[in-house]
Full PDB file with SEQRES, HELIX, SHEET, SSBOND, CRYST1, ORIGX, SCALE, CONECT and MASTER records, all heavy atoms in Angstrom:
SEQRES   1 A   41  SER ALA LEU GLU ASP ALA PHE ALA GLU ALA GLY VAL ALA          
SEQRES   2 A   41  PHE THR GLU VAL ALA VAL SER ALA PRO MET VAL ALA LEU          
SEQRES   3 A   41  PRO SER SER HIS PRO LEU VAL ASN ALA ALA SER LEU THR          
SEQRES   4 A   41  LEU GLU                                                      
HELIX    1 AA1 ALA A    2  ALA A   10  1                                   9    
CRYST1    1.000    1.000    1.000  90.00  90.00  90.00 P 1           1          
ORIGX1      1.000000  0.000000  0.000000        0.00000                         
ORIGX2      0.000000  1.000000  0.000000        0.00000                         
ORIGX3      0.000000  0.000000  1.000000        0.00000                         
SCALE1      1.000000  0.000000  0.000000        0.00000                         
SCALE2      0.000000  1.000000  0.000000        0.00000                         
SCALE3      0.000000  0.000000  1.000000        0.00000                         
ATOM      1  N   SER A   1       0.824  -1.209   0.000  1.00  0.00           N  
ATOM      2  CA  SER A   1       0.000   0.000   0.000  1.00  0.00           C  
ATOM      3  C   SER A   1       0.861   1.262   0.000  1.00  0.00           C  
ATOM      4  O   SER A   1       0.633   2.181  -0.800  1.00  0.00           O  
ATOM      5  CB  SER A   1      -0.934  -0.005   1.212  1.00  0.00           C  
ATOM      6  OG  SER A   1      -1.713   1.172   1.251  1.00  0.00           O  
ATOM      7  N   ALA A   2       1.859   1.311   0.883  1.00  0.00           N  
ATOM      8  CA  ALA A   2       2.721   2.492   0.970  1.00  0.00           C  
ATOM      9  C   ALA A   2       3.532   2.676  -0.307  1.00  0.00           C  
ATOM     10  O   ALA A   2       3.716   3.808  -0.781  1.00  0.00           O  
ATOM     11  CB  ALA A   2       3.646   2.372   2.175  1.00  0.00           C  
ATOM     12  N   LEU A   3       4.007   1.587  -0.880  1.00  0.00           N  
ATOM     13  CA  LEU A   3       4.786   1.697  -2.106  1.00  0.00           C  
ATOM     14  C   LEU A   3       3.921   2.133  -3.282  1.00  0.00           C  
ATOM     15  O   LEU A   3       4.352   2.946  -4.111  1.00  0.00           O  
ATOM     16  CB  LEU A   3       5.469   0.361  -2.414  1.00  0.00           C  
ATOM     17  CG  LEU A   3       6.720   0.055  -1.599  1.00  0.00           C  
ATOM     18  CD1 LEU A   3       7.205  -1.360  -1.863  1.00  0.00           C  
ATOM     19  CD2 LEU A   3       7.837   1.054  -1.905  1.00  0.00           C  
ATOM     20  N   GLU A   4       2.707   1.626  -3.362  1.00  0.00           N  
ATOM     21  CA  GLU A   4       1.822   2.043  -4.449  1.00  0.00           C  
ATOM     22  C   GLU A   4       1.530   3.535  -4.359  1.00  0.00           C  
ATOM     23  O   GLU A   4       1.421   4.213  -5.389  1.00  0.00           O  
ATOM     24  CB  GLU A   4       0.529   1.231  -4.424  1.00  0.00           C  
ATOM     25  CG  GLU A   4       0.674  -0.193  -4.936  1.00  0.00           C  
ATOM     26  CD  GLU A   4       1.038  -0.265  -6.417  1.00  0.00           C  
ATOM     27  OE1 GLU A   4       0.887   0.746  -7.120  1.00  0.00           O  
ATOM     28  OE2 GLU A   4       1.482  -1.340  -6.859  1.00  0.00           O  
ATOM     29  N   ASP A   5       1.403   4.069  -3.155  1.00  0.00           N  
ATOM     30  CA  ASP A   5       1.215   5.515  -2.989  1.00  0.00           C  
ATOM     31  C   ASP A   5       2.431   6.268  -3.510  1.00  0.00           C  
ATOM     32  O   ASP A   5       2.298   7.300  -4.186  1.00  0.00           O  
ATOM     33  CB  ASP A   5       0.990   5.856  -1.509  1.00  0.00           C  
ATOM     34  CG  ASP A   5      -0.380   5.430  -1.011  1.00  0.00           C  
ATOM     35  OD1 ASP A   5      -1.269   5.151  -1.841  1.00  0.00           O  
ATOM     36  OD2 ASP A   5      -0.561   5.370   0.228  1.00  0.00           O  
ATOM     37  N   ALA A   6       3.620   5.750  -3.206  1.00  0.00           N  
ATOM     38  CA  ALA A   6       4.854   6.396  -3.675  1.00  0.00           C  
ATOM     39  C   ALA A   6       4.967   6.313  -5.193  1.00  0.00           C  
ATOM     40  O   ALA A   6       5.391   7.273  -5.851  1.00  0.00           O  
ATOM     41  CB  ALA A   6       6.067   5.738  -3.014  1.00  0.00           C  
ATOM     42  N   PHE A   7       4.565   5.189  -5.770  1.00  0.00           N  
ATOM     43  CA  PHE A   7       4.600   5.044  -7.224  1.00  0.00           C  
ATOM     44  C   PHE A   7       3.663   6.056  -7.888  1.00  0.00           C  
ATOM     45  O   PHE A   7       4.028   6.715  -8.867  1.00  0.00           O  
ATOM     46  CB  PHE A   7       4.178   3.634  -7.640  1.00  0.00           C  
ATOM     47  CG  PHE A   7       5.069   2.525  -7.140  1.00  0.00           C  
ATOM     48  CD1 PHE A   7       4.583   1.228  -7.016  1.00  0.00           C  
ATOM     49  CD2 PHE A   7       6.393   2.779  -6.795  1.00  0.00           C  
ATOM     50  CE1 PHE A   7       5.398   0.209  -6.567  1.00  0.00           C  
ATOM     51  CE2 PHE A   7       7.216   1.761  -6.328  1.00  0.00           C  
ATOM     52  CZ  PHE A   7       6.711   0.465  -6.214  1.00  0.00           C  
ATOM     53  N   ALA A   8       2.461   6.145  -7.358  1.00  0.00           N  
ATOM     54  CA  ALA A   8       1.472   7.064  -7.937  1.00  0.00           C  
ATOM     55  C   ALA A   8       1.953   8.509  -7.864  1.00  0.00           C  
ATOM     56  O   ALA A   8       1.807   9.281  -8.826  1.00  0.00           O  
ATOM     57  CB  ALA A   8       0.141   6.911  -7.207  1.00  0.00           C  
ATOM     58  N   GLU A   9       2.553   8.875  -6.740  1.00  0.00           N  
ATOM     59  CA  GLU A   9       3.048  10.244  -6.570  1.00  0.00           C  
ATOM     60  C   GLU A   9       4.170  10.555  -7.559  1.00  0.00           C  
ATOM     61  O   GLU A   9       4.292  11.685  -8.053  1.00  0.00           O  
ATOM     62  CB  GLU A   9       3.546  10.445  -5.142  1.00  0.00           C  
ATOM     63  CG  GLU A   9       4.007  11.856  -4.846  1.00  0.00           C  
ATOM     64  CD  GLU A   9       4.408  12.059  -3.398  1.00  0.00           C  
ATOM     65  OE1 GLU A   9       4.179  11.147  -2.571  1.00  0.00           O  
ATOM     66  OE2 GLU A   9       4.952  13.141  -3.090  1.00  0.00           O  
ATOM     67  N   ALA A  10       4.990   9.545  -7.863  1.00  0.00           N  
ATOM     68  CA  ALA A  10       6.119   9.740  -8.773  1.00  0.00           C  
ATOM     69  C   ALA A  10       5.729   9.596 -10.233  1.00  0.00           C  
ATOM     70  O   ALA A  10       6.540   9.874 -11.125  1.00  0.00           O  
ATOM     71  CB  ALA A  10       7.234   8.750  -8.438  1.00  0.00           C  
ATOM     72  N   GLY A  11       4.520   9.128 -10.510  1.00  0.00           N  
ATOM     73  CA  GLY A  11       4.091   8.954 -11.890  1.00  0.00           C  
ATOM     74  C   GLY A  11       4.642   7.711 -12.552  1.00  0.00           C  
ATOM     75  O   GLY A  11       4.870   7.678 -13.764  1.00  0.00           O  
ATOM     76  N   VAL A  12       4.863   6.650 -11.740  1.00  0.00           N  
ATOM     77  CA  VAL A  12       5.339   5.386 -12.291  1.00  0.00           C  
ATOM     78  C   VAL A  12       4.335   4.290 -11.950  1.00  0.00           C  
ATOM     79  O   VAL A  12       3.538   4.426 -11.020  1.00  0.00           O  
ATOM     80  CB  VAL A  12       6.741   5.004 -11.749  1.00  0.00           C  
ATOM     81  CG1 VAL A  12       7.744   6.097 -12.071  1.00  0.00           C  
ATOM     82  CG2 VAL A  12       6.703   4.744 -10.243  1.00  0.00           C  
ATOM     83  N   ALA A  13       4.369   3.215 -12.720  1.00  0.00           N  
ATOM     84  CA  ALA A  13       3.436   2.110 -12.520  1.00  0.00           C  
ATOM     85  C   ALA A  13       4.210   0.813 -12.303  1.00  0.00           C  
ATOM     86  O   ALA A  13       5.214   0.555 -12.975  1.00  0.00           O  
ATOM     87  CB  ALA A  13       2.518   1.961 -13.726  1.00  0.00           C  
ATOM     88  N   PHE A  14       3.730  -0.004 -11.376  1.00  0.00           N  
ATOM     89  CA  PHE A  14       4.367  -1.279 -11.045  1.00  0.00           C  
ATOM     90  C   PHE A  14       3.691  -2.410 -11.789  1.00  0.00           C  
ATOM     91  O   PHE A  14       2.459  -2.510 -11.817  1.00  0.00           O  
ATOM     92  CB  PHE A  14       4.260  -1.520  -9.540  1.00  0.00           C  
ATOM     93  CG  PHE A  14       4.847  -2.840  -9.073  1.00  0.00           C  
ATOM     94  CD1 PHE A  14       6.201  -2.955  -8.851  1.00  0.00           C  
ATOM     95  CD2 PHE A  14       4.032  -3.940  -8.841  1.00  0.00           C  
ATOM     96  CE1 PHE A  14       6.749  -4.155  -8.408  1.00  0.00           C  
ATOM     97  CE2 PHE A  14       4.564  -5.138  -8.397  1.00  0.00           C  
ATOM     98  CZ  PHE A  14       5.931  -5.249  -8.177  1.00  0.00           C  
ATOM     99  N   THR A  15       4.495  -3.284 -12.389  1.00  0.00           N  
ATOM    100  CA  THR A  15       3.994  -4.485 -13.044  1.00  0.00           C  
ATOM    101  C   THR A  15       4.571  -5.701 -12.328  1.00  0.00           C  
ATOM    102  O   THR A  15       5.796  -5.855 -12.253  1.00  0.00           O  
ATOM    103  CB  THR A  15       4.406  -4.534 -14.529  1.00  0.00           C  
ATOM    104  OG1 THR A  15       3.869  -3.392 -15.202  1.00  0.00           O  
ATOM    105  CG2 THR A  15       3.874  -5.802 -15.190  1.00  0.00           C  
ATOM    106  N   GLU A  16       3.701  -6.534 -11.794  1.00  0.00           N  
ATOM    107  CA  GLU A  16       4.165  -7.722 -11.076  1.00  0.00           C  
ATOM    108  C   GLU A  16       4.569  -8.808 -12.057  1.00  0.00           C  
ATOM    109  O   GLU A  16       3.878  -9.055 -13.049  1.00  0.00           O  
ATOM    110  CB  GLU A  16       3.055  -8.228 -10.159  1.00  0.00           C  
ATOM    111  CG  GLU A  16       3.442  -9.441  -9.318  1.00  0.00           C  
ATOM    112  CD  GLU A  16       2.345  -9.824  -8.346  1.00  0.00           C  
ATOM    113  OE1 GLU A  16       2.018  -8.992  -7.461  1.00  0.00           O  
ATOM    114  OE2 GLU A  16       1.805 -10.942  -8.482  1.00  0.00           O  
ATOM    115  N   VAL A  17       5.686  -9.465 -11.761  1.00  0.00           N  
ATOM    116  CA  VAL A  17       6.184 -10.546 -12.607  1.00  0.00           C  
ATOM    117  C   VAL A  17       6.087 -11.893 -11.897  1.00  0.00           C  
ATOM    118  O   VAL A  17       5.760 -12.902 -12.514  1.00  0.00           O  
ATOM    119  CB  VAL A  17       7.634 -10.277 -13.049  1.00  0.00           C  
ATOM    120  CG1 VAL A  17       8.170 -11.441 -13.878  1.00  0.00           C  
ATOM    121  CG2 VAL A  17       7.723  -8.982 -13.836  1.00  0.00           C  
ATOM    122  N   ALA A  18       6.371 -11.929 -10.597  1.00  0.00           N  
ATOM    123  CA  ALA A  18       6.361 -13.189  -9.872  1.00  0.00           C  
ATOM    124  C   ALA A  18       6.090 -12.948  -8.395  1.00  0.00           C  
ATOM    125  O   ALA A  18       6.356 -11.860  -7.875  1.00  0.00           O  
ATOM    126  CB  ALA A  18       7.686 -13.924 -10.041  1.00  0.00           C  
ATOM    127  N   VAL A  19       5.557 -13.956  -7.744  1.00  0.00           N  
ATOM    128  CA  VAL A  19       5.328 -13.920  -6.294  1.00  0.00           C  
ATOM    129  C   VAL A  19       6.179 -14.999  -5.659  1.00  0.00           C  
ATOM    130  O   VAL A  19       6.232 -16.142  -6.140  1.00  0.00           O  
ATOM    131  CB  VAL A  19       3.847 -14.148  -5.950  1.00  0.00           C  
ATOM    132  CG1 VAL A  19       3.641 -14.131  -4.436  1.00  0.00           C  
ATOM    133  CG2 VAL A  19       2.976 -13.083  -6.609  1.00  0.00           C  
ATOM    134  N   SER A  20       6.866 -14.636  -4.592  1.00  0.00           N  
ATOM    135  CA  SER A  20       7.806 -15.541  -3.947  1.00  0.00           C  
ATOM    136  C   SER A  20       7.579 -15.544  -2.444  1.00  0.00           C  
ATOM    137  O   SER A  20       7.135 -14.549  -1.869  1.00  0.00           O  
ATOM    138  CB  SER A  20       9.239 -15.091  -4.270  1.00  0.00           C  
ATOM    139  OG  SER A  20      10.184 -15.665  -3.422  1.00  0.00           O  
ATOM    140  N   ALA A  21       7.894 -16.653  -1.800  1.00  0.00           N  
ATOM    141  CA  ALA A  21       7.852 -16.735  -0.345  1.00  0.00           C  
ATOM    142  C   ALA A  21       9.210 -16.337   0.215  1.00  0.00           C  
ATOM    143  O   ALA A  21      10.250 -16.693  -0.345  1.00  0.00           O  
ATOM    144  CB  ALA A  21       7.501 -18.158   0.088  1.00  0.00           C  
ATOM    145  N   PRO A  22       9.253 -15.593   1.309  1.00  0.00           N  
ATOM    146  CA  PRO A  22      10.539 -15.185   1.889  1.00  0.00           C  
ATOM    147  C   PRO A  22      11.371 -16.384   2.338  1.00  0.00           C  
ATOM    148  O   PRO A  22      10.839 -17.375   2.840  1.00  0.00           O  
ATOM    149  CB  PRO A  22      10.128 -14.333   3.089  1.00  0.00           C  
ATOM    150  CG  PRO A  22       8.747 -13.878   2.797  1.00  0.00           C  
ATOM    151  CD  PRO A  22       8.118 -14.998   2.036  1.00  0.00           C  
ATOM    152  N   MET A  23      12.662 -16.253   2.134  1.00  0.00           N  
ATOM    153  CA  MET A  23      13.620 -17.271   2.551  1.00  0.00           C  
ATOM    154  C   MET A  23      14.677 -16.620   3.432  1.00  0.00           C  
ATOM    155  O   MET A  23      14.951 -15.426   3.322  1.00  0.00           O  
ATOM    156  CB  MET A  23      14.298 -17.900   1.330  1.00  0.00           C  
ATOM    157  CG  MET A  23      13.352 -18.452   0.283  1.00  0.00           C  
ATOM    158  SD  MET A  23      12.628 -20.032   0.736  1.00  0.00           S  
ATOM    159  CE  MET A  23      14.016 -21.123   0.368  1.00  0.00           C  
ATOM    160  N   VAL A  24      15.275 -17.410   4.295  1.00  0.00           N  
ATOM    161  CA  VAL A  24      16.413 -16.960   5.096  1.00  0.00           C  
ATOM    162  C   VAL A  24      17.685 -17.383   4.380  1.00  0.00           C  
ATOM    163  O   VAL A  24      17.837 -18.553   4.018  1.00  0.00           O  
ATOM    164  CB  VAL A  24      16.384 -17.581   6.506  1.00  0.00           C  
ATOM    165  CG1 VAL A  24      17.610 -17.135   7.308  1.00  0.00           C  
ATOM    166  CG2 VAL A  24      15.106 -17.200   7.234  1.00  0.00           C  
ATOM    167  N   ALA A  25      18.576 -16.445   4.121  1.00  0.00           N  
ATOM    168  CA  ALA A  25      19.858 -16.753   3.495  1.00  0.00           C  
ATOM    169  C   ALA A  25      20.931 -16.824   4.567  1.00  0.00           C  
ATOM    170  O   ALA A  25      21.138 -15.868   5.320  1.00  0.00           O  
ATOM    171  CB  ALA A  25      20.223 -15.697   2.458  1.00  0.00           C  
ATOM    172  N   LEU A  26      21.604 -17.969   4.636  1.00  0.00           N  
ATOM    173  CA  LEU A  26      22.614 -18.251   5.655  1.00  0.00           C  
ATOM    174  C   LEU A  26      23.896 -18.755   4.995  1.00  0.00           C  
ATOM    175  O   LEU A  26      23.850 -19.346   3.912  1.00  0.00           O  
ATOM    176  CB  LEU A  26      22.127 -19.357   6.598  1.00  0.00           C  
ATOM    177  CG  LEU A  26      20.827 -19.178   7.373  1.00  0.00           C  
ATOM    178  CD1 LEU A  26      20.402 -20.528   7.944  1.00  0.00           C  
ATOM    179  CD2 LEU A  26      21.026 -18.180   8.487  1.00  0.00           C  
ATOM    180  N   PRO A  27      25.040 -18.617   5.676  1.00  0.00           N  
ATOM    181  CA  PRO A  27      26.246 -19.275   5.177  1.00  0.00           C  
ATOM    182  C   PRO A  27      26.145 -20.778   5.400  1.00  0.00           C  
ATOM    183  O   PRO A  27      25.445 -21.235   6.315  1.00  0.00           O  
ATOM    184  CB  PRO A  27      27.362 -18.649   6.014  1.00  0.00           C  
ATOM    185  CG  PRO A  27      26.696 -18.193   7.259  1.00  0.00           C  
ATOM    186  CD  PRO A  27      25.298 -17.793   6.872  1.00  0.00           C  
ATOM    187  N   SER A  28      26.842 -21.534   4.604  1.00  0.00           N  
ATOM    188  CA  SER A  28      26.768 -22.989   4.716  1.00  0.00           C  
ATOM    189  C   SER A  28      27.319 -23.497   6.043  1.00  0.00           C  
ATOM    190  O   SER A  28      27.048 -24.634   6.436  1.00  0.00           O  
ATOM    191  CB  SER A  28      27.516 -23.640   3.556  1.00  0.00           C  
ATOM    192  OG  SER A  28      28.866 -23.188   3.514  1.00  0.00           O  
ATOM    193  N   SER A  29      28.071 -22.658   6.752  1.00  0.00           N  
ATOM    194  CA  SER A  29      28.636 -23.043   8.052  1.00  0.00           C  
ATOM    195  C   SER A  29      27.738 -22.675   9.230  1.00  0.00           C  
ATOM    196  O   SER A  29      28.081 -22.943  10.387  1.00  0.00           O  
ATOM    197  CB  SER A  29      29.992 -22.360   8.240  1.00  0.00           C  
ATOM    198  OG  SER A  29      29.838 -20.942   8.195  1.00  0.00           O  
ATOM    199  N   HIS A  30      26.588 -22.078   8.963  1.00  0.00           N  
ATOM    200  CA  HIS A  30      25.725 -21.588  10.041  1.00  0.00           C  
ATOM    201  C   HIS A  30      25.129 -22.754  10.838  1.00  0.00           C  
ATOM    202  O   HIS A  30      24.765 -23.787  10.270  1.00  0.00           O  
ATOM    203  CB  HIS A  30      24.594 -20.736   9.450  1.00  0.00           C  
ATOM    204  CG  HIS A  30      23.920 -19.866  10.431  1.00  0.00           C  
ATOM    205  ND1 HIS A  30      22.983 -20.331  11.336  1.00  0.00           N  
ATOM    206  CD2 HIS A  30      24.036 -18.535  10.679  1.00  0.00           C  
ATOM    207  CE1 HIS A  30      22.554 -19.330  12.071  1.00  0.00           C  
ATOM    208  NE2 HIS A  30      23.180 -18.226  11.701  1.00  0.00           N  
ATOM    209  N   PRO A  31      25.014 -22.617  12.173  1.00  0.00           N  
ATOM    210  CA  PRO A  31      24.460 -23.695  13.007  1.00  0.00           C  
ATOM    211  C   PRO A  31      23.041 -24.109  12.628  1.00  0.00           C  
ATOM    212  O   PRO A  31      22.641 -25.247  12.900  1.00  0.00           O  
ATOM    213  CB  PRO A  31      24.495 -23.096  14.422  1.00  0.00           C  
ATOM    214  CG  PRO A  31      25.573 -22.081  14.373  1.00  0.00           C  
ATOM    215  CD  PRO A  31      25.543 -21.498  13.002  1.00  0.00           C  
ATOM    216  N   LEU A  32      22.278 -23.208  12.001  1.00  0.00           N  
ATOM    217  CA  LEU A  32      20.889 -23.518  11.656  1.00  0.00           C  
ATOM    218  C   LEU A  32      20.713 -23.933  10.197  1.00  0.00           C  
ATOM    219  O   LEU A  32      19.582 -24.051   9.717  1.00  0.00           O  
ATOM    220  CB  LEU A  32      20.003 -22.305  11.953  1.00  0.00           C  
ATOM    221  CG  LEU A  32      19.976 -21.822  13.412  1.00  0.00           C  
ATOM    222  CD1 LEU A  32      19.138 -20.556  13.543  1.00  0.00           C  
ATOM    223  CD2 LEU A  32      19.449 -22.907  14.334  1.00  0.00           C  
ATOM    224  N   VAL A  33      21.801 -24.182   9.517  1.00  0.00           N  
ATOM    225  CA  VAL A  33      21.732 -24.380   8.075  1.00  0.00           C  
ATOM    226  C   VAL A  33      20.968 -25.642   7.673  1.00  0.00           C  
ATOM    227  O   VAL A  33      20.463 -25.736   6.544  1.00  0.00           O  
ATOM    228  CB  VAL A  33      23.161 -24.401   7.472  1.00  0.00           C  
ATOM    229  CG1 VAL A  33      23.866 -25.709   7.811  1.00  0.00           C  
ATOM    230  CG2 VAL A  33      23.130 -24.155   5.972  1.00  0.00           C  
ATOM    231  N   ASN A  34      20.834 -26.595   8.561  1.00  0.00           N  
ATOM    232  CA  ASN A  34      20.140 -27.843   8.219  1.00  0.00           C  
ATOM    233  C   ASN A  34      18.666 -27.855   8.621  1.00  0.00           C  
ATOM    234  O   ASN A  34      18.002 -28.886   8.485  1.00  0.00           O  
ATOM    235  CB  ASN A  34      20.855 -29.032   8.868  1.00  0.00           C  
ATOM    236  CG  ASN A  34      22.238 -29.260   8.270  1.00  0.00           C  
ATOM    237  OD1 ASN A  34      22.420 -29.170   7.060  1.00  0.00           O  
ATOM    238  ND2 ASN A  34      23.213 -29.528   9.124  1.00  0.00           N  
ATOM    239  N   ALA A  35      18.164 -26.719   9.085  1.00  0.00           N  
ATOM    240  CA  ALA A  35      16.765 -26.648   9.493  1.00  0.00           C  
ATOM    241  C   ALA A  35      15.851 -26.757   8.276  1.00  0.00           C  
ATOM    242  O   ALA A  35      16.182 -26.284   7.188  1.00  0.00           O  
ATOM    243  CB  ALA A  35      16.491 -25.340  10.221  1.00  0.00           C  
ATOM    244  N   ALA A  36      14.695 -27.392   8.461  1.00  0.00           N  
ATOM    245  CA  ALA A  36      13.718 -27.507   7.372  1.00  0.00           C  
ATOM    246  C   ALA A  36      13.033 -26.172   7.124  1.00  0.00           C  
ATOM    247  O   ALA A  36      12.660 -25.843   5.991  1.00  0.00           O  
ATOM    248  CB  ALA A  36      12.692 -28.574   7.697  1.00  0.00           C  
ATOM    249  N   SER A  37      12.857 -25.387   8.175  1.00  0.00           N  
ATOM    250  CA  SER A  37      12.301 -24.039   8.101  1.00  0.00           C  
ATOM    251  C   SER A  37      12.756 -23.292   9.344  1.00  0.00           C  
ATOM    252  O   SER A  37      13.224 -23.901  10.313  1.00  0.00           O  
ATOM    253  CB  SER A  37      10.773 -24.063   8.015  1.00  0.00           C  
ATOM    254  OG  SER A  37      10.218 -24.635   9.190  1.00  0.00           O  
ATOM    255  N   LEU A  38      12.612 -21.969   9.321  1.00  0.00           N  
ATOM    256  CA  LEU A  38      13.082 -21.154  10.438  1.00  0.00           C  
ATOM    257  C   LEU A  38      12.069 -20.079  10.786  1.00  0.00           C  
ATOM    258  O   LEU A  38      11.298 -19.629   9.928  1.00  0.00           O  
ATOM    259  CB  LEU A  38      14.415 -20.482  10.085  1.00  0.00           C  
ATOM    260  CG  LEU A  38      15.650 -21.389  10.000  1.00  0.00           C  
ATOM    261  CD1 LEU A  38      16.811 -20.637   9.361  1.00  0.00           C  
ATOM    262  CD2 LEU A  38      16.035 -21.890  11.383  1.00  0.00           C  
ATOM    263  N   THR A  39      12.088 -19.659  12.041  1.00  0.00           N  
ATOM    264  CA  THR A  39      11.319 -18.509  12.491  1.00  0.00           C  
ATOM    265  C   THR A  39      12.295 -17.397  12.841  1.00  0.00           C  
ATOM    266  O   THR A  39      13.488 -17.653  13.096  1.00  0.00           O  
ATOM    267  CB  THR A  39      10.477 -18.847  13.732  1.00  0.00           C  
ATOM    268  OG1 THR A  39      11.364 -19.123  14.839  1.00  0.00           O  
ATOM    269  CG2 THR A  39       9.576 -20.052  13.475  1.00  0.00           C  
ATOM    270  N   LEU A  40      11.807 -16.166  12.889  1.00  0.00           N  
ATOM    271  CA  LEU A  40      12.680 -15.066  13.282  1.00  0.00           C  
ATOM    272  C   LEU A  40      13.130 -15.206  14.727  1.00  0.00           C  
ATOM    273  O   LEU A  40      14.219 -14.750  15.093  1.00  0.00           O  
ATOM    274  CB  LEU A  40      11.957 -13.736  13.070  1.00  0.00           C  
ATOM    275  CG  LEU A  40      11.717 -13.327  11.617  1.00  0.00           C  
ATOM    276  CD1 LEU A  40      11.074 -11.952  11.551  1.00  0.00           C  
ATOM    277  CD2 LEU A  40      13.011 -13.350  10.810  1.00  0.00           C  
ATOM    278  N   GLU A  41      12.319 -15.853  15.544  1.00  0.00           N  
ATOM    279  CA  GLU A  41      12.703 -16.078  16.939  1.00  0.00           C  
ATOM    280  C   GLU A  41      13.949 -16.960  17.023  1.00  0.00           C  
ATOM    281  O   GLU A  41      14.831 -16.743  17.866  1.00  0.00           O  
ATOM    282  CB  GLU A  41      11.551 -16.722  17.710  1.00  0.00           C  
ATOM    283  CG  GLU A  41      10.371 -15.812  17.998  1.00  0.00           C  
ATOM    284  CD  GLU A  41       9.530 -15.511  16.765  1.00  0.00           C  
ATOM    285  OE1 GLU A  41       9.573 -16.317  15.798  1.00  0.00           O  
ATOM    286  OE2 GLU A  41       8.831 -14.475  16.756  1.00  0.00           O  
TER     287      GLU A  41                                                      
MASTER        0    0    0    1    0    0    0    6  286    1    0    4          
END                                                                             
């Protein structure tokens, strides 16, 4: 919502190409690297 307001004010239009689920990016040495999923906690 906030970004669409900024786009409209600037006179630009957004075109969606893809929808993705957020992922956590970790180094391969990280203690949690083998988790099936993670929470921010």
